[in-house]
Amino acid sequence: MARFARFDRFGPTAEVLRIVDEEPPHPGPGEVRVHVCANGLNPVDYKIMHSAQSAANYGITDPAATPGGTGVGFDFAGDIDEVGEGVTRFRLGEAVLGGRRHRAIGDFVIIAAEGADAERDGVLIEKPEALDYDTAGALPVAGRTAIAALDRVGAGPGDTVLVSAAAGGVGVIAAQLAVLRGATVIGTASERNHEFLRELGVTPVAYGDGLVERLRDAAPQGFTAALDNNGPDSVDAALALGVPLERINTIAARGHRGAQGVGNPQATMEQFGEIVRLVADGQVTVPIEAIYPIERLAEAYARLETGHVRGKLVAVTR
């Protein structure tokens, strides 16, 4: 038997999330099976469990419609242990990382590796040897979101970029990418993360009342772009600081005052490959605040829901 995270109704995570035992699945033509080592946790995971409206955005209308319930999670890393007919892109035993929409967390993931279904089914890429499984498992959603957002606003040399929630899973990667591309980066974060951000080349600014004034003090030259990972207050601050609407990317307040954004679903395989390479080469750090066994997955999500996690939380099945 194998373990999988499931839910069959909407509600608070602690009430609806279950770890179930099922027969291991097997890949069909064009698919591979990944024996999972690590799963990165993302806020979208619990938002889907909480809300029919959020779930509908990912094609879930009735979580009980699937026998045993609907799967949980997007991110995974592990080793290919079965290869379906016709697969030539990946080989048995190959270490990989990727994303599988709302069914990644568990001992095994089945994912299309060839043909038209491959990118619609999810994303899969070879794991560099230098990249450990925990970091690899934490990377797909946050990394793809960060690089897609940064590419959308085109930040580079001469830019001063506001990154909100700069110590969070997406923000910490986006901030480092912007620094690598030659931008000056000002990041909002709680006080406990300020020294950490300074070590990454980011100027930290505290949240709360007086935010706009503190940001002006931190960057008297003004801001030219903004990456919002926090919510409407960050969009408001960016606009108050004179950032053009078209150079604000938001993943936390889409539509607020006309602000729009791209993220994980819009990222290309080329962008995914770039961020994997940068992390494997040590040019971008993905901090992991805590690692939980899959049996404590509900506890891990409870921690994630409190906010203020530095980087990522990871669940492991090994």
Protein backbone atom coordinates (compact mmCIF):
# COMPACT_ATOMS: atom_id res chain seq x y z
CA MET A 1 0.00 0.00 0.00
CA ALA A 2 0.99 3.63 -0.48
CA ARG A 3 0.13 6.85 1.36
CA PHE A 4 -1.63 9.81 -0.29
CA ALA A 5 -3.03 13.14 0.94
CA ARG A 6 -6.74 13.50 0.16
CA PHE A 7 -9.83 15.57 0.96
CA ASP A 8 -13.45 14.86 0.02
CA ARG A 9 -15.21 18.02 1.23
CA PHE A 10 -14.40 21.69 1.72
CA GLY A 11 -13.54 23.04 5.15
CA PRO A 12 -10.72 23.79 7.59
CA THR A 13 -7.57 21.83 6.82
CA ALA A 14 -7.50 19.99 10.14
CA GLU A 15 -11.05 18.73 9.54
CA VAL A 16 -10.90 17.68 5.88
CA LEU A 17 -7.30 16.60 5.19
CA ARG A 18 -6.65 12.86 5.42
CA ILE A 19 -3.70 10.56 4.76
CA VAL A 20 -5.10 7.44 3.11
CA ASP A 21 -3.60 4.08 2.15
CA GLU A 22 -4.21 2.96 -1.42
CA GLU A 23 -2.75 0.55 -3.92
CA PRO A 24 0.18 2.18 -5.75
CA PRO A 25 -0.81 3.53 -9.18
CA HIS A 26 0.95 2.58 -12.41
CA PRO A 27 1.76 4.75 -15.42
CA GLY A 28 -0.07 4.50 -18.71
CA PRO A 29 1.35 5.22 -22.17
CA GLY A 30 3.37 8.44 -22.19
CA GLU A 31 3.44 8.61 -18.38
CA VAL A 32 5.99 7.97 -15.66
CA ARG A 33 5.64 7.15 -11.99
CA VAL A 34 7.73 9.13 -9.54
CA HIS A 35 8.54 7.65 -6.13
CA VAL A 36 8.29 10.86 -4.15
CA CYS A 37 10.85 11.94 -1.57
CA ALA A 38 9.70 15.49 -0.78
CA ASN A 39 6.73 17.80 -1.36
CA GLY A 40 6.84 21.58 -1.07
CA LEU A 41 3.76 23.12 0.57
CA ASN A 42 2.05 26.18 -0.91
CA PRO A 43 -0.78 28.43 0.34
CA VAL A 44 -2.85 27.49 -2.70
CA ASP A 45 -3.00 23.92 -1.36
CA TYR A 46 -5.02 24.82 1.71
CA LYS A 47 -7.01 27.51 -0.10
CA ILE A 48 -8.34 24.80 -2.42
CA MET A 49 -9.35 22.67 0.57
CA HIS A 50 -11.04 25.62 2.27
CA SER A 51 -13.06 27.09 -0.56
CA ALA A 52 -15.19 25.85 -3.45
CA GLN A 53 -14.48 29.13 -5.22
CA SER A 54 -10.70 28.67 -5.01
CA ALA A 55 -11.03 25.01 -5.97
CA ALA A 56 -13.08 25.89 -9.05
CA ASN A 57 -10.12 27.87 -10.38
CA TYR A 58 -8.29 24.54 -10.60
CA GLY A 59 -11.14 22.52 -12.07
CA ILE A 60 -12.37 21.03 -8.78
CA THR A 61 -16.12 21.27 -8.26
CA ASP A 62 -16.79 18.20 -6.13
CA PRO A 63 -13.84 16.84 -4.11
CA ALA A 64 -15.80 13.66 -3.39
CA ALA A 65 -16.21 12.89 -7.10
CA THR A 66 -12.88 11.07 -7.23
CA PRO A 67 -12.84 7.66 -5.48
CA GLY A 68 -11.04 8.16 -2.18
CA GLY A 69 -11.22 11.93 -2.49
CA THR A 70 -9.27 14.62 -4.33
CA GLY A 71 -5.50 14.84 -4.08
CA VAL A 72 -3.57 17.65 -2.42
CA GLY A 73 -0.52 19.66 -3.41
CA PHE A 74 1.47 20.61 -6.48
CA ASP A 75 5.20 20.28 -5.76
CA PHE A 76 7.25 17.10 -5.66
CA ALA A 77 10.74 15.67 -6.08
CA GLY A 78 11.77 12.04 -6.27
CA ASP A 79 12.95 9.23 -8.55
CA ILE A 80 11.24 7.69 -11.56
CA ASP A 81 10.53 4.08 -10.66
CA GLU A 82 8.19 3.08 -13.51
CA VAL A 83 8.12 4.24 -17.12
CA GLY A 84 5.07 3.91 -19.36
CA GLU A 85 5.03 2.80 -22.96
CA GLY A 86 6.45 5.28 -25.44
CA VAL A 87 8.38 7.44 -22.94
CA THR A 88 11.84 8.37 -24.24
CA ARG A 89 12.40 11.71 -22.53
CA PHE A 90 12.98 10.22 -19.06
CA ARG A 91 14.58 6.99 -17.89
CA LEU A 92 14.04 4.56 -15.05
CA GLY A 93 15.83 5.68 -11.87
CA GLU A 94 16.20 9.30 -12.98
CA ALA A 95 15.89 11.94 -10.24
CA VAL A 96 13.29 14.58 -11.11
CA LEU A 97 11.26 17.46 -9.73
CA GLY A 98 8.04 18.99 -10.92
CA GLY A 99 4.45 19.95 -10.32
CA ARG A 100 1.27 17.88 -10.63
CA ARG A 101 -1.95 19.78 -10.15
CA HIS A 102 -3.70 19.00 -6.83
CA ARG A 103 -2.40 15.46 -6.51
CA ALA A 104 1.31 15.63 -5.73
CA ILE A 105 1.52 14.78 -2.04
CA GLY A 106 2.00 11.10 -1.34
CA ASP A 107 4.36 8.23 -1.95
CA PHE A 108 3.86 8.26 -5.73
CA VAL A 109 2.93 10.68 -8.50
CA ILE A 110 1.81 9.71 -12.00
CA ILE A 111 2.57 12.40 -14.56
CA ALA A 112 2.51 12.66 -18.35
CA ALA A 113 6.04 12.87 -19.72
CA GLU A 114 5.45 12.80 -23.48
CA GLY A 115 3.00 14.23 -25.97
CA ALA A 116 0.31 16.88 -25.84
CA ASP A 117 -0.72 16.05 -22.27
CA ALA A 118 2.71 16.68 -20.76
CA GLU A 119 2.52 20.41 -19.93
CA ARG A 120 -1.24 20.30 -19.38
CA ASP A 121 -0.73 17.49 -16.87
CA GLY A 122 2.02 19.33 -15.02
CA VAL A 123 5.74 19.96 -15.33
CA LEU A 124 8.64 17.58 -14.95
CA ILE A 125 12.37 18.25 -15.21
CA GLU A 126 15.58 16.40 -14.39
CA LYS A 127 16.93 17.14 -10.91
CA PRO A 128 20.55 18.30 -10.97
CA GLU A 129 22.80 16.21 -8.74
CA ALA A 130 23.78 19.32 -6.76
CA LEU A 131 20.14 19.95 -5.80
CA ASP A 132 18.97 17.99 -2.75
CA TYR A 133 15.49 16.46 -2.76
CA ASP A 134 14.04 18.74 -0.07
CA THR A 135 15.06 21.91 -1.90
CA ALA A 136 13.97 20.44 -5.24
CA GLY A 137 10.57 19.55 -3.81
CA ALA A 138 10.15 23.09 -2.47
CA LEU A 139 11.01 24.80 -5.74
CA PRO A 140 8.44 24.26 -8.54
CA VAL A 141 5.50 26.56 -7.67
CA ALA A 142 7.50 29.24 -5.85
CA GLY A 143 10.35 29.26 -8.33
CA ARG A 144 8.16 29.30 -11.43
CA THR A 145 5.97 32.02 -9.94
CA ALA A 146 8.93 34.20 -8.98
CA ILE A 147 10.71 34.06 -12.33
CA ALA A 148 7.51 34.57 -14.34
CA ALA A 149 6.62 37.61 -12.22
CA LEU A 150 10.07 39.14 -12.55
CA ASP A 151 10.17 38.56 -16.29
CA ARG A 152 6.76 40.21 -16.67
CA VAL A 153 7.92 43.51 -15.15
CA GLY A 154 11.31 43.25 -16.86
CA ALA A 155 13.36 44.31 -13.84
CA GLY A 156 17.09 44.76 -14.38
CA PRO A 157 19.97 47.22 -14.05
CA GLY A 158 18.80 50.70 -13.10
CA ASP A 159 15.54 49.49 -11.58
CA THR A 160 14.54 49.81 -7.95
CA VAL A 161 12.11 47.00 -7.18
CA LEU A 162 9.70 46.66 -4.27
CA VAL A 163 9.20 43.00 -3.28
CA SER A 164 6.52 42.40 -0.67
CA ALA A 165 6.67 39.36 1.63
CA ALA A 166 10.32 39.21 0.60
CA ALA A 167 11.20 36.40 3.02
CA GLY A 168 8.29 34.19 1.95
CA GLY A 169 8.39 31.28 -0.47
CA VAL A 170 7.90 33.29 -3.66
CA GLY A 171 9.25 36.63 -2.47
CA VAL A 172 12.64 35.36 -1.33
CA ILE A 173 13.30 33.83 -4.75
CA ALA A 174 11.99 36.85 -6.67
CA ALA A 175 14.11 39.22 -4.58
CA GLN A 176 17.28 37.22 -5.24
CA LEU A 177 16.55 37.00 -8.95
CA ALA A 178 16.10 40.77 -9.12
CA VAL A 179 19.42 41.30 -7.31
CA LEU A 180 21.14 38.90 -9.73
CA ARG A 181 19.77 40.90 -12.64
CA GLY A 182 21.29 44.10 -11.31
CA ALA A 183 18.27 45.76 -9.70
CA THR A 184 18.18 47.49 -6.33
CA VAL A 185 15.73 45.51 -4.20
CA ILE A 186 13.72 46.75 -1.22
CA GLY A 187 11.78 43.99 0.52
CA THR A 188 9.03 44.13 3.12
CA ALA A 189 9.27 41.54 5.87
CA SER A 190 8.81 40.99 9.58
CA GLU A 191 11.67 42.15 11.79
CA ARG A 192 12.98 38.63 12.44
CA ASN A 193 13.84 38.28 8.74
CA HIS A 194 15.63 41.61 8.24
CA GLU A 195 19.18 40.39 8.80
CA PHE A 196 18.53 37.36 6.61
CA LEU A 197 17.39 39.62 3.75
CA ARG A 198 20.42 41.89 4.14
CA GLU A 199 22.62 38.82 3.67
CA LEU A 200 20.87 38.26 0.32
CA GLY A 201 21.52 41.84 -0.83
CA VAL A 202 17.99 43.05 -0.10
CA THR A 203 17.20 46.18 1.92
CA PRO A 204 14.48 45.20 4.43
CA VAL A 205 11.55 47.38 5.48
CA ALA A 206 9.02 46.52 8.19
CA TYR A 207 5.30 46.10 7.53
CA GLY A 208 2.60 48.20 9.19
CA ASP A 209 1.54 51.81 9.56
CA GLY A 210 3.87 54.28 7.87
CA LEU A 211 4.98 51.72 5.25
CA VAL A 212 5.05 54.18 2.36
CA GLU A 213 7.19 56.65 4.30
CA ARG A 214 9.64 53.92 5.31
CA LEU A 215 9.88 52.75 1.72
CA ARG A 216 10.60 56.30 0.53
CA ASP A 217 13.35 56.59 3.13
CA ALA A 218 14.83 53.27 2.02
CA ALA A 219 14.84 54.27 -1.66
CA PRO A 220 14.86 58.07 -2.06
CA GLN A 221 15.62 57.57 -5.76
CA GLY A 222 12.11 56.14 -6.17
CA PHE A 223 10.73 52.79 -7.30
CA THR A 224 10.31 51.61 -10.88
CA ALA A 225 8.74 48.14 -10.43
CA ALA A 226 6.96 46.07 -7.78
CA LEU A 227 6.35 42.38 -7.14
CA ASP A 228 3.45 41.89 -4.72
CA ASN A 229 3.25 38.60 -2.84
CA ASN A 230 1.30 39.93 0.13
CA GLY A 231 -1.96 41.66 -0.80
CA PRO A 232 -3.75 44.94 -1.57
CA ASP A 233 -1.70 47.05 0.84
CA SER A 234 1.43 46.35 -1.16
CA VAL A 235 -0.25 47.29 -4.43
CA ASP A 236 -1.49 50.52 -2.81
CA ALA A 237 2.01 51.29 -1.58
CA ALA A 238 3.54 50.70 -5.01
CA LEU A 239 1.05 53.03 -6.66
CA ALA A 240 1.59 55.67 -3.98
CA LEU A 241 5.31 55.45 -4.70
CA GLY A 242 4.71 56.15 -8.38
CA VAL A 243 5.26 52.67 -9.81
CA PRO A 244 3.42 52.42 -13.16
CA LEU A 245 0.52 49.97 -13.04
CA GLU A 246 1.98 47.96 -15.91
CA ARG A 247 5.16 47.35 -13.88
CA ILE A 248 3.33 45.94 -10.86
CA ASN A 249 2.91 42.17 -10.78
CA THR A 250 0.63 40.81 -8.07
CA ILE A 251 -0.07 37.21 -7.14
CA ALA A 252 -1.95 38.16 -3.97
CA ALA A 253 -4.35 40.92 -5.07
CA ARG A 254 -5.17 40.38 -8.73
CA GLY A 255 -7.64 42.99 -9.95
CA HIS A 256 -7.04 45.37 -7.06
CA ARG A 257 -6.94 48.89 -8.52
CA GLY A 258 -6.38 47.31 -11.91
CA ALA A 259 -3.24 45.41 -10.92
CA GLN A 260 -2.72 42.08 -12.65
CA GLY A 261 -0.12 39.39 -12.48
CA VAL A 262 1.36 36.19 -13.78
CA GLY A 263 2.66 33.27 -11.78
CA ASN A 264 3.20 29.53 -11.81
CA PRO A 265 0.58 28.61 -14.45
CA GLN A 266 2.05 31.06 -16.96
CA ALA A 267 5.72 30.12 -16.45
CA THR A 268 7.44 28.38 -19.34
CA MET A 269 9.61 25.28 -19.22
CA GLU A 270 12.55 27.52 -20.16
CA GLN A 271 11.91 29.68 -17.09
CA PHE A 272 11.59 26.56 -14.93
CA GLY A 273 14.89 25.27 -16.24
CA GLU A 274 16.58 28.59 -15.54
CA ILE A 275 15.47 28.78 -11.92
CA VAL A 276 16.42 25.13 -11.29
CA ARG A 277 19.90 25.83 -12.67
CA LEU A 278 20.34 28.98 -10.57
CA VAL A 279 19.36 27.16 -7.38
CA ALA A 280 21.52 24.14 -8.19
CA ASP A 281 24.48 26.46 -8.87
CA GLY A 282 24.01 28.19 -5.51
CA GLN A 283 23.17 31.56 -7.02
CA VAL A 284 19.67 31.52 -5.53
CA THR A 285 18.87 30.18 -2.04
CA VAL A 286 15.59 28.46 -1.19
CA PRO A 287 15.36 28.55 2.61
CA ILE A 288 13.43 25.69 4.22
CA GLU A 289 12.08 26.61 7.62
CA ALA A 290 10.87 23.16 8.62
CA ILE A 291 10.45 19.60 7.35
CA TYR A 292 7.51 17.40 8.37
CA PRO A 293 6.79 13.71 7.82
CA ILE A 294 3.66 13.17 5.72
CA GLU A 295 1.86 11.87 8.83
CA ARG A 296 2.11 15.42 10.28
CA LEU A 297 0.91 17.15 7.10
CA ALA A 298 -2.06 18.83 8.80
CA GLU A 299 0.31 20.29 11.40
CA ALA A 300 2.55 21.59 8.62
CA TYR A 301 -0.35 23.31 6.89
CA ALA A 302 -1.49 24.82 10.20
CA ARG A 303 1.95 26.41 10.49
CA LEU A 304 1.85 27.63 6.90
CA GLU A 305 -1.57 29.21 7.46
CA THR A 306 -0.22 31.38 10.27
CA GLY A 307 1.98 33.23 7.74
CA HIS A 308 5.48 34.60 8.37
CA VAL A 309 7.21 31.40 7.28
CA ARG A 310 10.74 32.06 6.07
CA GLY A 311 10.93 30.43 2.68
CA LYS A 312 9.24 27.05 2.48
CA LEU A 313 7.83 24.15 4.48
CA VAL A 314 8.40 20.65 3.13
CA ALA A 315 6.66 17.32 3.73
CA VAL A 316 8.70 14.15 3.29
CA THR A 317 7.62 10.59 2.57
CA ARG A 318 10.99 8.85 2.91
